[in-house]
Amino acid sequence: MALTDEQKAIKKEFAKYKRKVTEVAGEIHDIVEDTIWTEYVRLPELSQKVGVLMDELNSFKAKHDFLK
């Protein structure tokens, strides 16, 4: 089944949410792997940011059944 233009736009928006989460998770990964001894103080803030972004992503996903 082909996606409508609206569904394509929604999928594109969903990809943006996923990208944001992945970027912050990447920052966490880099700190843990490379600079844990000096940058560990950033982890709580970044972890909270991941939580907020995931809540936004999951809320968006819940509004659009075809993303499941």
PDB file of N, CA and C in Angstrom:
ATOM      1  N   MET A   1       0.839  -1.182   0.000  1.00  0.00           N
ATOM      2  CA  MET A   1       0.000   0.000   0.000  1.00  0.00           C
ATOM      3  C   MET A   1       0.884   1.244   0.000  1.00  0.00           C
ATOM      4  N   ALA A   2       0.663   2.119  -0.922  1.00  0.00           N
ATOM      5  CA  ALA A   2       1.441   3.351  -1.037  1.00  0.00           C
ATOM      6  C   ALA A   2       0.988   4.368   0.005  1.00  0.00           C
ATOM      7  N   LEU A   3       1.937   5.161   0.473  1.00  0.00           N
ATOM      8  CA  LEU A   3       1.625   6.190   1.450  1.00  0.00           C
ATOM      9  C   LEU A   3       1.078   7.425   0.747  1.00  0.00           C
ATOM     10  N   THR A   4       0.151   8.097   1.414  1.00  0.00           N
ATOM     11  CA  THR A   4      -0.358   9.368   0.902  1.00  0.00           C
ATOM     12  C   THR A   4       0.698  10.448   1.139  1.00  0.00           C
ATOM     13  N   ASP A   5       0.512  11.589   0.513  1.00  0.00           N
ATOM     14  CA  ASP A   5       1.431  12.711   0.733  1.00  0.00           C
ATOM     15  C   ASP A   5       1.446  13.121   2.199  1.00  0.00           C
ATOM     16  N   GLU A   6       0.275  13.088   2.817  1.00  0.00           N
ATOM     17  CA  GLU A   6       0.188  13.439   4.245  1.00  0.00           C
ATOM     18  C   GLU A   6       0.972  12.437   5.089  1.00  0.00           C
ATOM     19  N   GLN A   7       0.845  11.150   4.792  1.00  0.00           N
ATOM     20  CA  GLN A   7       1.577  10.128   5.533  1.00  0.00           C
ATOM     21  C   GLN A   7       3.086  10.273   5.329  1.00  0.00           C
ATOM     22  N   LYS A   8       3.480  10.617   4.128  1.00  0.00           N
ATOM     23  CA  LYS A   8       4.900  10.837   3.856  1.00  0.00           C
ATOM     24  C   LYS A   8       5.429  11.999   4.690  1.00  0.00           C
ATOM     25  N   ALA A   9       4.651  13.057   4.790  1.00  0.00           N
ATOM     26  CA  ALA A   9       5.048  14.221   5.588  1.00  0.00           C
ATOM     27  C   ALA A   9       5.151  13.844   7.065  1.00  0.00           C
ATOM     28  N   ILE A  10       4.220  13.031   7.531  1.00  0.00           N
ATOM     29  CA  ILE A  10       4.229  12.582   8.924  1.00  0.00           C
ATOM     30  C   ILE A  10       5.462  11.715   9.181  1.00  0.00           C
ATOM     31  N   LYS A  11       5.777  10.824   8.264  1.00  0.00           N
ATOM     32  CA  LYS A  11       6.969   9.982   8.414  1.00  0.00           C
ATOM     33  C   LYS A  11       8.232  10.828   8.436  1.00  0.00           C
ATOM     34  N   LYS A  12       8.270  11.883   7.654  1.00  0.00           N
ATOM     35  CA  LYS A  12       9.421  12.778   7.623  1.00  0.00           C
ATOM     36  C   LYS A  12       9.561  13.496   8.966  1.00  0.00           C
ATOM     37  N   GLU A  13       8.439  13.950   9.509  1.00  0.00           N
ATOM     38  CA  GLU A  13       8.438  14.597  10.820  1.00  0.00           C
ATOM     39  C   GLU A  13       8.881  13.616  11.902  1.00  0.00           C
ATOM     40  N   PHE A  14       8.401  12.383  11.820  1.00  0.00           N
ATOM     41  CA  PHE A  14       8.781  11.342  12.779  1.00  0.00           C
ATOM     42  C   PHE A  14      10.293  11.103  12.717  1.00  0.00           C
ATOM     43  N   ALA A  15      10.855  11.098  11.532  1.00  0.00           N
ATOM     44  CA  ALA A  15      12.301  10.909  11.369  1.00  0.00           C
ATOM     45  C   ALA A  15      13.076  12.024  12.072  1.00  0.00           C
ATOM     46  N   LYS A  16      12.521  13.235  12.081  1.00  0.00           N
ATOM     47  CA  LYS A  16      13.174  14.346  12.772  1.00  0.00           C
ATOM     48  C   LYS A  16      13.205  14.096  14.279  1.00  0.00           C
ATOM     49  N   TYR A  17      12.106  13.598  14.823  1.00  0.00           N
ATOM     50  CA  TYR A  17      12.075  13.254  16.247  1.00  0.00           C
ATOM     51  C   TYR A  17      13.139  12.204  16.557  1.00  0.00           C
ATOM     52  N   LYS A  18      13.202  11.176  15.740  1.00  0.00           N
ATOM     53  CA  LYS A  18      14.175  10.100  15.947  1.00  0.00           C
ATOM     54  C   LYS A  18      15.608  10.627  15.859  1.00  0.00           C
ATOM     55  N   ARG A  19      15.859  11.525  14.910  1.00  0.00           N
ATOM     56  CA  ARG A  19      17.197  12.089  14.747  1.00  0.00           C
ATOM     57  C   ARG A  19      17.626  12.852  15.986  1.00  0.00           C
ATOM     58  N   LYS A  20      16.710  13.637  16.557  1.00  0.00           N
ATOM     59  CA  LYS A  20      17.034  14.409  17.759  1.00  0.00           C
ATOM     60  C   LYS A  20      17.420  13.495  18.916  1.00  0.00           C
ATOM     61  N   VAL A  21      16.652  12.425  19.108  1.00  0.00           N
ATOM     62  CA  VAL A  21      16.955  11.477  20.186  1.00  0.00           C
ATOM     63  C   VAL A  21      18.312  10.827  19.936  1.00  0.00           C
ATOM     64  N   THR A  22      18.548  10.427  18.712  1.00  0.00           N
ATOM     65  CA  THR A  22      19.797   9.761  18.360  1.00  0.00           C
ATOM     66  C   THR A  22      20.996  10.679  18.569  1.00  0.00           C
ATOM     67  N   GLU A  23      20.845  11.955  18.256  1.00  0.00           N
ATOM     68  CA  GLU A  23      21.944  12.906  18.455  1.00  0.00           C
ATOM     69  C   GLU A  23      22.312  13.030  19.928  1.00  0.00           C
ATOM     70  N   VAL A  24      21.323  13.140  20.797  1.00  0.00           N
ATOM     71  CA  VAL A  24      21.604  13.265  22.227  1.00  0.00           C
ATOM     72  C   VAL A  24      22.179  11.953  22.763  1.00  0.00           C
ATOM     73  N   ALA A  25      21.640  10.835  22.319  1.00  0.00           N
ATOM     74  CA  ALA A  25      22.181   9.538  22.730  1.00  0.00           C
ATOM     75  C   ALA A  25      23.635   9.408  22.271  1.00  0.00           C
ATOM     76  N   GLY A  26      23.934   9.940  21.103  1.00  0.00           N
ATOM     77  CA  GLY A  26      25.307   9.932  20.612  1.00  0.00           C
ATOM     78  C   GLY A  26      26.234  10.755  21.493  1.00  0.00           C
ATOM     79  N   GLU A  27      25.736  11.889  21.978  1.00  0.00           N
ATOM     80  CA  GLU A  27      26.531  12.708  22.900  1.00  0.00           C
ATOM     81  C   GLU A  27      26.843  11.927  24.171  1.00  0.00           C
ATOM     82  N   ILE A  28      25.825  11.242  24.690  1.00  0.00           N
ATOM     83  CA  ILE A  28      26.019  10.428  25.894  1.00  0.00           C
ATOM     84  C   ILE A  28      27.059   9.351  25.610  1.00  0.00           C
ATOM     85  N   HIS A  29      26.922   8.683  24.484  1.00  0.00           N
ATOM     86  CA  HIS A  29      27.860   7.631  24.113  1.00  0.00           C
ATOM     87  C   HIS A  29      29.285   8.178  24.038  1.00  0.00           C
ATOM     88  N   ASP A  30      29.457   9.324  23.408  1.00  0.00           N
ATOM     89  CA  ASP A  30      30.787   9.905  23.269  1.00  0.00           C
ATOM     90  C   ASP A  30      31.399  10.235  24.625  1.00  0.00           C
ATOM     91  N   ILE A  31      30.588  10.768  25.529  1.00  0.00           N
ATOM     92  CA  ILE A  31      31.088  11.079  26.868  1.00  0.00           C
ATOM     93  C   ILE A  31      31.518   9.797  27.565  1.00  0.00           C
ATOM     94  N   VAL A  32      30.667   8.799  27.542  1.00  0.00           N
ATOM     95  CA  VAL A  32      30.971   7.539  28.227  1.00  0.00           C
ATOM     96  C   VAL A  32      32.222   6.892  27.633  1.00  0.00           C
ATOM     97  N   GLU A  33      32.344   6.947  26.348  1.00  0.00           N
ATOM     98  CA  GLU A  33      33.460   6.277  25.691  1.00  0.00           C
ATOM     99  C   GLU A  33      34.763   7.072  25.741  1.00  0.00           C
ATOM    100  N   ASP A  34      34.679   8.402  25.674  1.00  0.00           N
ATOM    101  CA  ASP A  34      35.899   9.189  25.494  1.00  0.00           C
ATOM    102  C   ASP A  34      36.262  10.127  26.638  1.00  0.00           C
ATOM    103  N   THR A  35      35.272  10.741  27.276  1.00  0.00           N
ATOM    104  CA  THR A  35      35.593  11.818  28.220  1.00  0.00           C
ATOM    105  C   THR A  35      34.862  11.691  29.556  1.00  0.00           C
ATOM    106  N   ILE A  36      34.574  10.476  29.959  1.00  0.00           N
ATOM    107  CA  ILE A  36      33.782  10.261  31.177  1.00  0.00           C
ATOM    108  C   ILE A  36      34.378  10.973  32.395  1.00  0.00           C
ATOM    109  N   TRP A  37      35.684  11.036  32.509  1.00  0.00           N
ATOM    110  CA  TRP A  37      36.321  11.600  33.698  1.00  0.00           C
ATOM    111  C   TRP A  37      36.193  13.109  33.779  1.00  0.00           C
ATOM    112  N   THR A  38      35.961  13.758  32.664  1.00  0.00           N
ATOM    113  CA  THR A  38      35.848  15.214  32.688  1.00  0.00           C
ATOM    114  C   THR A  38      34.449  15.715  32.345  1.00  0.00           C
ATOM    115  N   GLU A  39      33.665  14.942  31.633  1.00  0.00           N
ATOM    116  CA  GLU A  39      32.357  15.394  31.168  1.00  0.00           C
ATOM    117  C   GLU A  39      31.177  14.679  31.841  1.00  0.00           C
ATOM    118  N   TYR A  40      31.462  13.839  32.837  1.00  0.00           N
ATOM    119  CA  TYR A  40      30.399  13.075  33.485  1.00  0.00           C
ATOM    120  C   TYR A  40      29.295  13.951  34.058  1.00  0.00           C
ATOM    121  N   VAL A  41      29.611  15.193  34.401  1.00  0.00           N
ATOM    122  CA  VAL A  41      28.607  16.084  34.992  1.00  0.00           C
ATOM    123  C   VAL A  41      27.493  16.429  34.001  1.00  0.00           C
ATOM    124  N   ARG A  42      27.721  16.226  32.710  1.00  0.00           N
ATOM    125  CA  ARG A  42      26.700  16.510  31.699  1.00  0.00           C
ATOM    126  C   ARG A  42      25.688  15.374  31.559  1.00  0.00           C
ATOM    127  N   LEU A  43      26.010  14.205  32.089  1.00  0.00           N
ATOM    128  CA  LEU A  43      25.152  13.037  31.871  1.00  0.00           C
ATOM    129  C   LEU A  43      23.730  13.191  32.416  1.00  0.00           C
ATOM    130  N   PRO A  44      23.529  13.705  33.622  1.00  0.00           N
ATOM    131  CA  PRO A  44      22.143  13.853  34.095  1.00  0.00           C
ATOM    132  C   PRO A  44      21.297  14.752  33.184  1.00  0.00           C
ATOM    133  N   GLU A  45      21.867  15.862  32.746  1.00  0.00           N
ATOM    134  CA  GLU A  45      21.132  16.777  31.862  1.00  0.00           C
ATOM    135  C   GLU A  45      20.801  16.100  30.528  1.00  0.00           C
ATOM    136  N   LEU A  46      21.776  15.420  29.959  1.00  0.00           N
ATOM    137  CA  LEU A  46      21.546  14.746  28.684  1.00  0.00           C
ATOM    138  C   LEU A  46      20.550  13.607  28.819  1.00  0.00           C
ATOM    139  N   SER A  47      20.622  12.889  29.927  1.00  0.00           N
ATOM    140  CA  SER A  47      19.667  11.802  30.162  1.00  0.00           C
ATOM    141  C   SER A  47      18.244  12.335  30.269  1.00  0.00           C
ATOM    142  N   GLN A  48      18.084  13.451  30.961  1.00  0.00           N
ATOM    143  CA  GLN A  48      16.765  14.073  31.068  1.00  0.00           C
ATOM    144  C   GLN A  48      16.278  14.519  29.697  1.00  0.00           C
ATOM    145  N   LYS A  49      17.185  15.057  28.900  1.00  0.00           N
ATOM    146  CA  LYS A  49      16.827  15.509  27.552  1.00  0.00           C
ATOM    147  C   LYS A  49      16.354  14.330  26.699  1.00  0.00           C
ATOM    148  N   VAL A  50      17.030  13.191  26.816  1.00  0.00           N
ATOM    149  CA  VAL A  50      16.591  11.997  26.085  1.00  0.00           C
ATOM    150  C   VAL A  50      15.181  11.613  26.519  1.00  0.00           C
ATOM    151  N   GLY A  51      14.921  11.670  27.814  1.00  0.00           N
ATOM    152  CA  GLY A  51      13.588  11.335  28.316  1.00  0.00           C
ATOM    153  C   GLY A  51      12.507  12.234  27.743  1.00  0.00           C
ATOM    154  N   VAL A  52      12.769  13.523  27.706  1.00  0.00           N
ATOM    155  CA  VAL A  52      11.811  14.485  27.154  1.00  0.00           C
ATOM    156  C   VAL A  52      11.594  14.217  25.668  1.00  0.00           C
ATOM    157  N   LEU A  53      12.689  14.032  24.933  1.00  0.00           N
ATOM    158  CA  LEU A  53      12.576  13.783  23.492  1.00  0.00           C
ATOM    159  C   LEU A  53      11.843  12.473  23.201  1.00  0.00           C
ATOM    160  N   MET A  54      12.101  11.455  24.002  1.00  0.00           N
ATOM    161  CA  MET A  54      11.399  10.184  23.802  1.00  0.00           C
ATOM    162  C   MET A  54       9.904  10.332  24.096  1.00  0.00           C
ATOM    163  N   ASP A  55       9.560  11.104  25.119  1.00  0.00           N
ATOM    164  CA  ASP A  55       8.143  11.355  25.407  1.00  0.00           C
ATOM    165  C   ASP A  55       7.474  12.043  24.219  1.00  0.00           C
ATOM    166  N   GLU A  56       8.166  13.034  23.647  1.00  0.00           N
ATOM    167  CA  GLU A  56       7.623  13.737  22.479  1.00  0.00           C
ATOM    168  C   GLU A  56       7.470  12.781  21.293  1.00  0.00           C
ATOM    169  N   LEU A  57       8.487  11.967  21.053  1.00  0.00           N
ATOM    170  CA  LEU A  57       8.450  11.003  19.953  1.00  0.00           C
ATOM    171  C   LEU A  57       7.297  10.018  20.135  1.00  0.00           C
ATOM    172  N   ASN A  58       7.169   9.474  21.331  1.00  0.00           N
ATOM    173  CA  ASN A  58       6.112   8.498  21.587  1.00  0.00           C
ATOM    174  C   ASN A  58       4.721   9.121  21.501  1.00  0.00           C
ATOM    175  N   SER A  59       4.595  10.372  21.917  1.00  0.00           N
ATOM    176  CA  SER A  59       3.315  11.071  21.802  1.00  0.00           C
ATOM    177  C   SER A  59       2.950  11.266  20.333  1.00  0.00           C
ATOM    178  N   PHE A  60       3.927  11.691  19.536  1.00  0.00           N
ATOM    179  CA  PHE A  60       3.705  11.867  18.099  1.00  0.00           C
ATOM    180  C   PHE A  60       3.323  10.543  17.460  1.00  0.00           C
ATOM    181  N   LYS A  61       4.048   9.513  17.819  1.00  0.00           N
ATOM    182  CA  LYS A  61       3.791   8.180  17.265  1.00  0.00           C
ATOM    183  C   LYS A  61       2.386   7.695  17.626  1.00  0.00           C
ATOM    184  N   ALA A  62       1.945   7.955  18.850  1.00  0.00           N
ATOM    185  CA  ALA A  62       0.616   7.518  19.293  1.00  0.00           C
ATOM    186  C   ALA A  62      -0.500   8.208  18.520  1.00  0.00           C
ATOM    187  N   LYS A  63      -0.243   9.393  18.005  1.00  0.00           N
ATOM    188  CA  LYS A  63      -1.253  10.130  17.243  1.00  0.00           C
ATOM    189  C   LYS A  63      -1.393   9.615  15.809  1.00  0.00           C
ATOM    190  N   HIS A  64      -0.441   8.826  15.360  1.00  0.00           N
ATOM    191  CA  HIS A  64      -0.403   8.379  13.970  1.00  0.00           C
ATOM    192  C   HIS A  64      -0.268   6.856  13.929  1.00  0.00           C
ATOM    193  N   ASP A  65      -1.398   6.183  13.829  1.00  0.00           N
ATOM    194  CA  ASP A  65      -1.457   4.730  13.911  1.00  0.00           C
ATOM    195  C   ASP A  65      -0.535   4.007  12.933  1.00  0.00           C
ATOM    196  N   PHE A  66      -0.365   4.526  11.744  1.00  0.00           N
ATOM    197  CA  PHE A  66       0.404   3.811  10.750  1.00  0.00           C
ATOM    198  C   PHE A  66       1.894   3.759  11.063  1.00  0.00           C
ATOM    199  N   LEU A  67       2.359   4.526  12.051  1.00  0.00           N
ATOM    200  CA  LEU A  67       3.773   4.504  12.447  1.00  0.00           C
ATOM    201  C   LEU A  67       4.090   3.319  13.339  1.00  0.00           C
ATOM    202  N   LYS A  68       3.084   2.641  13.844  1.00  0.00           N
ATOM    203  CA  LYS A  68       3.314   1.552  14.804  1.00  0.00           C
ATOM    204  C   LYS A  68       3.890   0.338  14.168  1.00  0.00           C
TER     205      LYS A  68
END
